[in-house]
Amino acid sequence: MESIGLFEAKTHLSELIARAERGEEVVITRHNKPVAKLVPMHAGSEGVKVARRRAALAAIEAVREDIRRDSGGMNSDQIVQMIHEMRDEQTERKMRAAGLL
C-alpha cells in the first residue's frame, strides 16, 4: 500500500481515484502522519454491510436466547397467546385510564 502526501494527493486526485477503481488502496499523509485511506468503494461498503449483518444476527440470536430462557419451555402457540393477552391487558388499562371503561 502506497503513502502519498496531502498536497500531492490533491494534485493527482483523478489518478488516485482511477487506482482505487482498479482495487488499489492509498494512504494519505499530512506532515508524514497517516490521516486517511483511499480504498475501492466495494471493499469499504462490503465490509460495513458484513459488519452490520453480523451485528444484526448477534442481536437476533441474543433475543432468541432471552425468549428461550424466559419462556419456561413454552411453545410458539403459547407465546403468541401470551402476547395477545398482554396486549389486551394493556389496551384495557389505557381505556380505563381514558375513562372509556
Protein backbone atom coordinates (compact mmCIF):
# COMPACT_ATOMS: atom_id res chain seq x y z
CA MET A 1 0.00 0.00 0.00
CA GLU A 2 1.44 3.33 -1.06
CA SER A 3 1.50 6.52 1.03
CA ILE A 4 1.17 9.93 -0.56
CA GLY A 5 1.27 13.45 0.85
CA LEU A 6 -1.89 15.54 1.00
CA PHE A 7 -0.67 18.17 -1.47
CA GLU A 8 0.30 15.50 -3.99
CA ALA A 9 -2.99 13.68 -3.42
CA LYS A 10 -4.93 16.86 -4.23
CA THR A 11 -2.82 17.42 -7.31
CA HIS A 12 -3.31 13.85 -8.60
CA LEU A 13 -6.78 13.08 -7.26
CA SER A 14 -8.13 11.79 -10.60
CA GLU A 15 -5.23 9.36 -10.89
CA LEU A 16 -5.76 8.17 -7.30
CA ILE A 17 -9.47 7.62 -7.96
CA ALA A 18 -8.61 5.54 -11.04
CA ARG A 19 -6.23 3.46 -8.94
CA ALA A 20 -8.95 2.90 -6.35
CA GLU A 21 -11.28 1.76 -9.12
CA ARG A 22 -8.63 -0.83 -10.03
CA GLY A 23 -8.66 -2.10 -6.45
CA GLU A 24 -5.62 -0.30 -5.04
CA GLU A 25 -5.50 1.38 -1.64
CA VAL A 26 -3.55 4.56 -0.90
CA VAL A 27 -2.79 6.15 2.48
CA ILE A 28 -2.85 9.95 2.50
CA THR A 29 -0.49 11.65 4.94
CA ARG A 30 -0.20 15.14 6.40
CA HIS A 31 3.25 16.04 7.71
CA ASN A 32 4.25 12.37 7.25
CA LYS A 33 1.42 11.13 9.52
CA PRO A 34 -1.36 8.95 8.06
CA VAL A 35 -4.69 10.80 8.12
CA ALA A 36 -6.86 9.00 5.55
CA LYS A 37 -7.04 5.92 3.38
CA LEU A 38 -8.45 5.86 -0.15
CA VAL A 39 -9.97 2.42 -0.78
CA PRO A 40 -12.13 0.90 -3.51
CA MET A 41 -15.80 1.53 -2.84
CA HIS A 42 -16.74 -2.15 -2.98
CA ALA A 43 -14.18 -3.05 -0.32
CA GLY A 44 -15.32 -0.45 2.19
CA SER A 45 -19.06 -0.84 1.64
CA GLU A 46 -18.94 -4.63 1.72
CA GLY A 47 -17.04 -4.54 4.99
CA VAL A 48 -19.68 -2.27 6.50
CA LYS A 49 -22.50 -4.48 5.22
CA VAL A 50 -20.88 -7.60 6.62
CA ALA A 51 -20.29 -5.94 10.00
CA ARG A 52 -23.91 -4.73 10.15
CA ARG A 53 -25.23 -8.16 9.21
CA ARG A 54 -23.10 -9.83 11.86
CA ALA A 55 -24.26 -7.33 14.48
CA ALA A 56 -27.91 -7.84 13.48
CA LEU A 57 -27.58 -11.62 13.61
CA ALA A 58 -25.93 -11.42 17.02
CA ALA A 59 -28.77 -9.23 18.29
CA ILE A 60 -31.38 -11.63 16.91
CA GLU A 61 -29.61 -14.57 18.49
CA ALA A 62 -29.48 -12.74 21.84
CA VAL A 63 -33.22 -12.05 21.70
CA ARG A 64 -33.90 -15.66 20.79
CA GLU A 65 -31.84 -16.84 23.77
CA ASP A 66 -33.67 -14.41 26.07
CA ILE A 67 -37.02 -15.73 24.86
CA ARG A 68 -35.87 -19.32 25.26
CA ARG A 69 -34.60 -18.65 28.79
CA ASP A 70 -37.61 -16.59 29.90
CA SER A 71 -40.36 -18.62 28.25
CA GLY A 72 -40.09 -21.51 30.67
CA GLY A 73 -40.38 -24.09 27.92
CA MET A 74 -43.43 -22.55 26.22
CA ASN A 75 -44.12 -23.49 22.62
CA SER A 76 -44.75 -20.89 19.93
CA ASP A 77 -48.57 -21.09 20.22
CA GLN A 78 -48.36 -20.43 23.95
CA ILE A 79 -46.01 -17.50 23.40
CA VAL A 80 -48.35 -15.98 20.80
CA GLN A 81 -51.30 -16.41 23.18
CA MET A 82 -49.34 -14.75 26.00
CA ILE A 83 -48.50 -11.78 23.73
CA HIS A 84 -52.18 -11.40 22.78
CA GLU A 85 -53.20 -11.45 26.43
CA MET A 86 -50.57 -8.86 27.32
CA ARG A 87 -51.78 -6.58 24.52
CA ASP A 88 -55.39 -6.99 25.61
CA GLU A 89 -54.45 -6.10 29.20
CA GLN A 90 -52.53 -3.04 28.03
CA THR A 91 -55.45 -1.88 25.87
CA GLU A 92 -57.85 -2.33 28.78
CA ARG A 93 -55.59 -0.31 31.12
CA LYS A 94 -55.39 2.52 28.61
CA MET A 95 -59.14 2.54 28.06
CA ARG A 96 -59.76 2.60 31.84
CA ALA A 97 -57.28 5.45 32.24
CA ALA A 98 -59.11 7.38 29.50
CA GLY A 99 -62.46 6.74 31.23
CA LEU A 100 -63.82 4.65 28.39
CA LEU A 101 -64.49 1.56 30.58
